[in-house]
Amino acid sequence: LGDPSLAEPGTDPADVYSAALDRW
């Protein structure tokens, strides 16, 4: 989320973080 270059191609870092936070 802080560095979009670390995100998986084709993914939205904000969506990935939201899902990861919910799972956490």
PDB file of all heavy atoms in Angstrom:
ATOM      1  N   LEU A   1       0.838  -1.204   0.000  1.00  0.00           N
ATOM      2  CA  LEU A   1       0.000   0.000   0.000  1.00  0.00           C
ATOM      3  C   LEU A   1       0.873   1.254   0.000  1.00  0.00           C
ATOM      4  O   LEU A   1       0.541   2.257  -0.645  1.00  0.00           O
ATOM      5  CB  LEU A   1      -0.911  -0.023   1.233  1.00  0.00           C
ATOM      6  CG  LEU A   1      -2.061   0.981   1.287  1.00  0.00           C
ATOM      7  CD1 LEU A   1      -3.035   0.761   0.131  1.00  0.00           C
ATOM      8  CD2 LEU A   1      -2.794   0.865   2.618  1.00  0.00           C
ATOM      9  N   GLY A   2       2.001   1.177   0.721  1.00  0.00           N
ATOM     10  CA  GLY A   2       2.913   2.311   0.753  1.00  0.00           C
ATOM     11  C   GLY A   2       3.804   2.393  -0.474  1.00  0.00           C
ATOM     12  O   GLY A   2       4.238   3.478  -0.866  1.00  0.00           O
ATOM     13  N   ASP A   3       4.074   1.231  -1.079  1.00  0.00           N
ATOM     14  CA  ASP A   3       4.925   1.182  -2.272  1.00  0.00           C
ATOM     15  C   ASP A   3       4.259   0.266  -3.295  1.00  0.00           C
ATOM     16  O   ASP A   3       4.466  -0.949  -3.276  1.00  0.00           O
ATOM     17  CB  ASP A   3       6.313   0.652  -1.904  1.00  0.00           C
ATOM     18  CG  ASP A   3       7.259   0.621  -3.101  1.00  0.00           C
ATOM     19  OD1 ASP A   3       6.823   0.965  -4.221  1.00  0.00           O
ATOM     20  OD2 ASP A   3       8.426   0.231  -2.913  1.00  0.00           O
ATOM     21  N   PRO A   4       3.443   0.819  -4.203  1.00  0.00           N
ATOM     22  CA  PRO A   4       2.678   0.005  -5.161  1.00  0.00           C
ATOM     23  C   PRO A   4       3.539  -0.914  -6.029  1.00  0.00           C
ATOM     24  O   PRO A   4       3.026  -1.899  -6.570  1.00  0.00           O
ATOM     25  CB  PRO A   4       1.966   1.055  -6.021  1.00  0.00           C
ATOM     26  CG  PRO A   4       1.848   2.241  -5.121  1.00  0.00           C
ATOM     27  CD  PRO A   4       3.107   2.249  -4.305  1.00  0.00           C
ATOM     28  N   SER A   5       4.837  -0.641  -6.127  1.00  0.00           N
ATOM     29  CA  SER A   5       5.690  -1.524  -6.932  1.00  0.00           C
ATOM     30  C   SER A   5       5.827  -2.904  -6.305  1.00  0.00           C
ATOM     31  O   SER A   5       6.220  -3.863  -6.976  1.00  0.00           O
ATOM     32  CB  SER A   5       7.079  -0.901  -7.107  1.00  0.00           C
ATOM     33  OG  SER A   5       7.783  -0.861  -5.870  1.00  0.00           O
ATOM     34  N   LEU A   6       5.498  -3.022  -5.014  1.00  0.00           N
ATOM     35  CA  LEU A   6       5.576  -4.312  -4.321  1.00  0.00           C
ATOM     36  C   LEU A   6       4.312  -5.144  -4.513  1.00  0.00           C
ATOM     37  O   LEU A   6       4.288  -6.321  -4.136  1.00  0.00           O
ATOM     38  CB  LEU A   6       5.803  -4.087  -2.821  1.00  0.00           C
ATOM     39  CG  LEU A   6       7.080  -3.354  -2.424  1.00  0.00           C
ATOM     40  CD1 LEU A   6       7.101  -3.101  -0.918  1.00  0.00           C
ATOM     41  CD2 LEU A   6       8.301  -4.157  -2.846  1.00  0.00           C
ATOM     42  N   ALA A   7       3.259  -4.553  -5.072  1.00  0.00           N
ATOM     43  CA  ALA A   7       1.978  -5.254  -5.233  1.00  0.00           C
ATOM     44  C   ALA A   7       2.061  -6.279  -6.358  1.00  0.00           C
ATOM     45  O   ALA A   7       2.837  -6.128  -7.311  1.00  0.00           O
ATOM     46  CB  ALA A   7       0.864  -4.254  -5.508  1.00  0.00           C
ATOM     47  N   GLU A   8       1.246  -7.321  -6.239  1.00  0.00           N
ATOM     48  CA  GLU A   8       1.146  -8.311  -7.309  1.00  0.00           C
ATOM     49  C   GLU A   8       0.532  -7.657  -8.538  1.00  0.00           C
ATOM     50  O   GLU A   8      -0.400  -6.854  -8.418  1.00  0.00           O
ATOM     51  CB  GLU A   8       0.267  -9.487  -6.869  1.00  0.00           C
ATOM     52  CG  GLU A   8       0.888 -10.368  -5.786  1.00  0.00           C
ATOM     53  CD  GLU A   8       2.048 -11.174  -6.318  1.00  0.00           C
ATOM     54  OE1 GLU A   8       2.035 -11.532  -7.516  1.00  0.00           O
ATOM     55  OE2 GLU A   8       2.988 -11.449  -5.538  1.00  0.00           O
ATOM     56  N   PRO A   9       1.041  -7.989  -9.721  1.00  0.00           N
ATOM     57  CA  PRO A   9       0.477  -7.394 -10.944  1.00  0.00           C
ATOM     58  C   PRO A   9      -1.029  -7.655 -11.055  1.00  0.00           C
ATOM     59  O   PRO A   9      -1.511  -8.753 -10.760  1.00  0.00           O
ATOM     60  CB  PRO A   9       1.241  -8.114 -12.064  1.00  0.00           C
ATOM     61  CG  PRO A   9       2.524  -8.560 -11.423  1.00  0.00           C
ATOM     62  CD  PRO A   9       2.174  -8.893 -10.009  1.00  0.00           C
ATOM     63  N   GLY A  10      -1.751  -6.622 -11.458  1.00  0.00           N
ATOM     64  CA  GLY A  10      -3.185  -6.769 -11.667  1.00  0.00           C
ATOM     65  C   GLY A  10      -4.014  -6.674 -10.409  1.00  0.00           C
ATOM     66  O   GLY A  10      -5.224  -6.948 -10.446  1.00  0.00           O
ATOM     67  N   THR A  11      -3.408  -6.323  -9.282  1.00  0.00           N
ATOM     68  CA  THR A  11      -4.161  -6.199  -8.036  1.00  0.00           C
ATOM     69  C   THR A  11      -4.184  -4.748  -7.576  1.00  0.00           C
ATOM     70  O   THR A  11      -3.282  -3.962  -7.885  1.00  0.00           O
ATOM     71  CB  THR A  11      -3.541  -7.061  -6.915  1.00  0.00           C
ATOM     72  OG1 THR A  11      -2.213  -6.584  -6.629  1.00  0.00           O
ATOM     73  CG2 THR A  11      -3.487  -8.518  -7.333  1.00  0.00           C
ATOM     74  N   ASP A  12      -5.219  -4.402  -6.827  1.00  0.00           N
ATOM     75  CA  ASP A  12      -5.346  -3.079  -6.235  1.00  0.00           C
ATOM     76  C   ASP A  12      -4.819  -3.163  -4.801  1.00  0.00           C
ATOM     77  O   ASP A  12      -5.408  -3.863  -3.967  1.00  0.00           O
ATOM     78  CB  ASP A  12      -6.806  -2.640  -6.241  1.00  0.00           C
ATOM     79  CG  ASP A  12      -6.991  -1.233  -5.707  1.00  0.00           C
ATOM     80  OD1 ASP A  12      -6.128  -0.767  -4.932  1.00  0.00           O
ATOM     81  OD2 ASP A  12      -8.003  -0.598  -6.041  1.00  0.00           O
ATOM     82  N   PRO A  13      -3.708  -2.489  -4.483  1.00  0.00           N
ATOM     83  CA  PRO A  13      -3.140  -2.586  -3.128  1.00  0.00           C
ATOM     84  C   PRO A  13      -4.134  -2.265  -2.029  1.00  0.00           C
ATOM     85  O   PRO A  13      -4.084  -2.875  -0.954  1.00  0.00           O
ATOM     86  CB  PRO A  13      -1.992  -1.563  -3.164  1.00  0.00           C
ATOM     87  CG  PRO A  13      -1.606  -1.481  -4.599  1.00  0.00           C
ATOM     88  CD  PRO A  13      -2.895  -1.633  -5.364  1.00  0.00           C
ATOM     89  N   ALA A  14      -5.050  -1.339  -2.284  1.00  0.00           N
ATOM     90  CA  ALA A  14      -6.031  -0.970  -1.263  1.00  0.00           C
ATOM     91  C   ALA A  14      -6.989  -2.126  -0.992  1.00  0.00           C
ATOM     92  O   ALA A  14      -7.333  -2.412   0.167  1.00  0.00           O
ATOM     93  CB  ALA A  14      -6.803   0.267  -1.698  1.00  0.00           C
ATOM     94  N   ASP A  15      -7.424  -2.810  -2.052  1.00  0.00           N
ATOM     95  CA  ASP A  15      -8.321  -3.955  -1.889  1.00  0.00           C
ATOM     96  C   ASP A  15      -7.611  -5.107  -1.180  1.00  0.00           C
ATOM     97  O   ASP A  15      -8.193  -5.777  -0.311  1.00  0.00           O
ATOM     98  CB  ASP A  15      -8.838  -4.426  -3.251  1.00  0.00           C
ATOM     99  CG  ASP A  15      -9.810  -3.440  -3.879  1.00  0.00           C
ATOM    100  OD1 ASP A  15     -10.345  -2.581  -3.142  1.00  0.00           O
ATOM    101  OD2 ASP A  15     -10.029  -3.525  -5.107  1.00  0.00           O
ATOM    102  N   VAL A  16      -6.358  -5.343  -1.563  1.00  0.00           N
ATOM    103  CA  VAL A  16      -5.586  -6.426  -0.940  1.00  0.00           C
ATOM    104  C   VAL A  16      -5.384  -6.144   0.547  1.00  0.00           C
ATOM    105  O   VAL A  16      -5.524  -7.037   1.394  1.00  0.00           O
ATOM    106  CB  VAL A  16      -4.219  -6.596  -1.643  1.00  0.00           C
ATOM    107  CG1 VAL A  16      -3.348  -7.594  -0.890  1.00  0.00           C
ATOM    108  CG2 VAL A  16      -4.424  -7.057  -3.078  1.00  0.00           C
ATOM    109  N   TYR A  17      -5.076  -4.894   0.874  1.00  0.00           N
ATOM    110  CA  TYR A  17      -4.868  -4.540   2.280  1.00  0.00           C
ATOM    111  C   TYR A  17      -6.168  -4.685   3.073  1.00  0.00           C
ATOM    112  O   TYR A  17      -6.156  -5.191   4.203  1.00  0.00           O
ATOM    113  CB  TYR A  17      -4.349  -3.110   2.405  1.00  0.00           C
ATOM    114  CG  TYR A  17      -4.194  -2.678   3.846  1.00  0.00           C
ATOM    115  CD1 TYR A  17      -3.106  -3.111   4.601  1.00  0.00           C
ATOM    116  CD2 TYR A  17      -5.154  -1.866   4.452  1.00  0.00           C
ATOM    117  CE1 TYR A  17      -2.975  -2.744   5.932  1.00  0.00           C
ATOM    118  CE2 TYR A  17      -5.024  -1.494   5.782  1.00  0.00           C
ATOM    119  CZ  TYR A  17      -3.940  -1.934   6.520  1.00  0.00           C
ATOM    120  OH  TYR A  17      -3.823  -1.581   7.834  1.00  0.00           O
ATOM    121  N   SER A  18      -7.278  -4.254   2.488  1.00  0.00           N
ATOM    122  CA  SER A  18      -8.572  -4.359   3.187  1.00  0.00           C
ATOM    123  C   SER A  18      -8.905  -5.818   3.499  1.00  0.00           C
ATOM    124  O   SER A  18      -9.332  -6.144   4.609  1.00  0.00           O
ATOM    125  CB  SER A  18      -9.672  -3.733   2.322  1.00  0.00           C
ATOM    126  OG  SER A  18     -10.930  -3.865   2.946  1.00  0.00           O
ATOM    127  N   ALA A  19      -8.676  -6.702   2.513  1.00  0.00           N
ATOM    128  CA  ALA A  19      -8.954  -8.129   2.721  1.00  0.00           C
ATOM    129  C   ALA A  19      -8.008  -8.710   3.760  1.00  0.00           C
ATOM    130  O   ALA A  19      -8.422  -9.511   4.620  1.00  0.00           O
ATOM    131  CB  ALA A  19      -8.829  -8.882   1.402  1.00  0.00           C
ATOM    132  N   ALA A  20      -6.728  -8.323   3.713  1.00  0.00           N
ATOM    133  CA  ALA A  20      -5.748  -8.840   4.669  1.00  0.00           C
ATOM    134  C   ALA A  20      -6.067  -8.364   6.083  1.00  0.00           C
ATOM    135  O   ALA A  20      -5.919  -9.121   7.054  1.00  0.00           O
ATOM    136  CB  ALA A  20      -4.344  -8.395   4.269  1.00  0.00           C
ATOM    137  N   LEU A  21      -6.512  -7.105   6.212  1.00  0.00           N
ATOM    138  CA  LEU A  21      -6.877  -6.579   7.532  1.00  0.00           C
ATOM    139  C   LEU A  21      -8.082  -7.319   8.094  1.00  0.00           C
ATOM    140  O   LEU A  21      -8.113  -7.672   9.288  1.00  0.00           O
ATOM    141  CB  LEU A  21      -7.167  -5.086   7.427  1.00  0.00           C
ATOM    142  CG  LEU A  21      -7.617  -4.387   8.720  1.00  0.00           C
ATOM    143  CD1 LEU A  21      -6.547  -4.517   9.804  1.00  0.00           C
ATOM    144  CD2 LEU A  21      -7.945  -2.920   8.458  1.00  0.00           C
ATOM    145  N   ASP A  22      -9.074  -7.575   7.250  1.00  0.00           N
ATOM    146  CA  ASP A  22     -10.255  -8.316   7.695  1.00  0.00           C
ATOM    147  C   ASP A  22      -9.861  -9.708   8.187  1.00  0.00           C
ATOM    148  O   ASP A  22     -10.359 -10.179   9.222  1.00  0.00           O
ATOM    149  CB  ASP A  22     -11.273  -8.438   6.557  1.00  0.00           C
ATOM    150  CG  ASP A  22     -11.982  -7.124   6.266  1.00  0.00           C
ATOM    151  OD1 ASP A  22     -11.922  -6.211   7.119  1.00  0.00           O
ATOM    152  OD2 ASP A  22     -12.590  -7.007   5.181  1.00  0.00           O
ATOM    153  N   ARG A  23      -8.975 -10.387   7.435  1.00  0.00           N
ATOM    154  CA  ARG A  23      -8.544 -11.726   7.839  1.00  0.00           C
ATOM    155  C   ARG A  23      -7.739 -11.671   9.137  1.00  0.00           C
ATOM    156  O   ARG A  23      -7.875 -12.528  10.001  1.00  0.00           O
ATOM    157  CB  ARG A  23      -7.715 -12.368   6.716  1.00  0.00           C
ATOM    158  CG  ARG A  23      -7.069 -13.723   7.070  1.00  0.00           C
ATOM    159  CD  ARG A  23      -8.084 -14.742   7.583  1.00  0.00           C
ATOM    160  NE  ARG A  23      -9.073 -15.093   6.609  1.00  0.00           N
ATOM    161  CZ  ARG A  23      -8.976 -16.140   5.797  1.00  0.00           C
ATOM    162  NH1 ARG A  23      -7.910 -16.909   5.831  1.00  0.00           N
ATOM    163  NH2 ARG A  23      -9.949 -16.412   4.951  1.00  0.00           N
ATOM    164  N   TRP A  24      -6.900 -10.651   9.285  1.00  0.00           N
ATOM    165  CA  TRP A  24      -6.100 -10.485  10.500  1.00  0.00           C
ATOM    166  C   TRP A  24      -6.993 -10.306  11.723  1.00  0.00           C
ATOM    167  O   TRP A  24      -6.778 -10.933  12.762  1.00  0.00           O
ATOM    168  CB  TRP A  24      -5.176  -9.283  10.322  1.00  0.00           C
ATOM    169  CG  TRP A  24      -4.235  -9.044  11.471  1.00  0.00           C
ATOM    170  CD1 TRP A  24      -3.092  -9.732  11.775  1.00  0.00           C
ATOM    171  CD2 TRP A  24      -4.361  -8.019  12.467  1.00  0.00           C
ATOM    172  NE1 TRP A  24      -2.496  -9.205  12.892  1.00  0.00           N
ATOM    173  CE2 TRP A  24      -3.249  -8.144  13.340  1.00  0.00           C
ATOM    174  CE3 TRP A  24      -5.285  -7.006  12.703  1.00  0.00           C
ATOM    175  CZ2 TRP A  24      -3.056  -7.302  14.431  1.00  0.00           C
ATOM    176  CZ3 TRP A  24      -5.089  -6.172  13.784  1.00  0.00           C
ATOM    177  CH2 TRP A  24      -3.984  -6.322  14.637  1.00  0.00           C
TER     178      TRP A  24
END
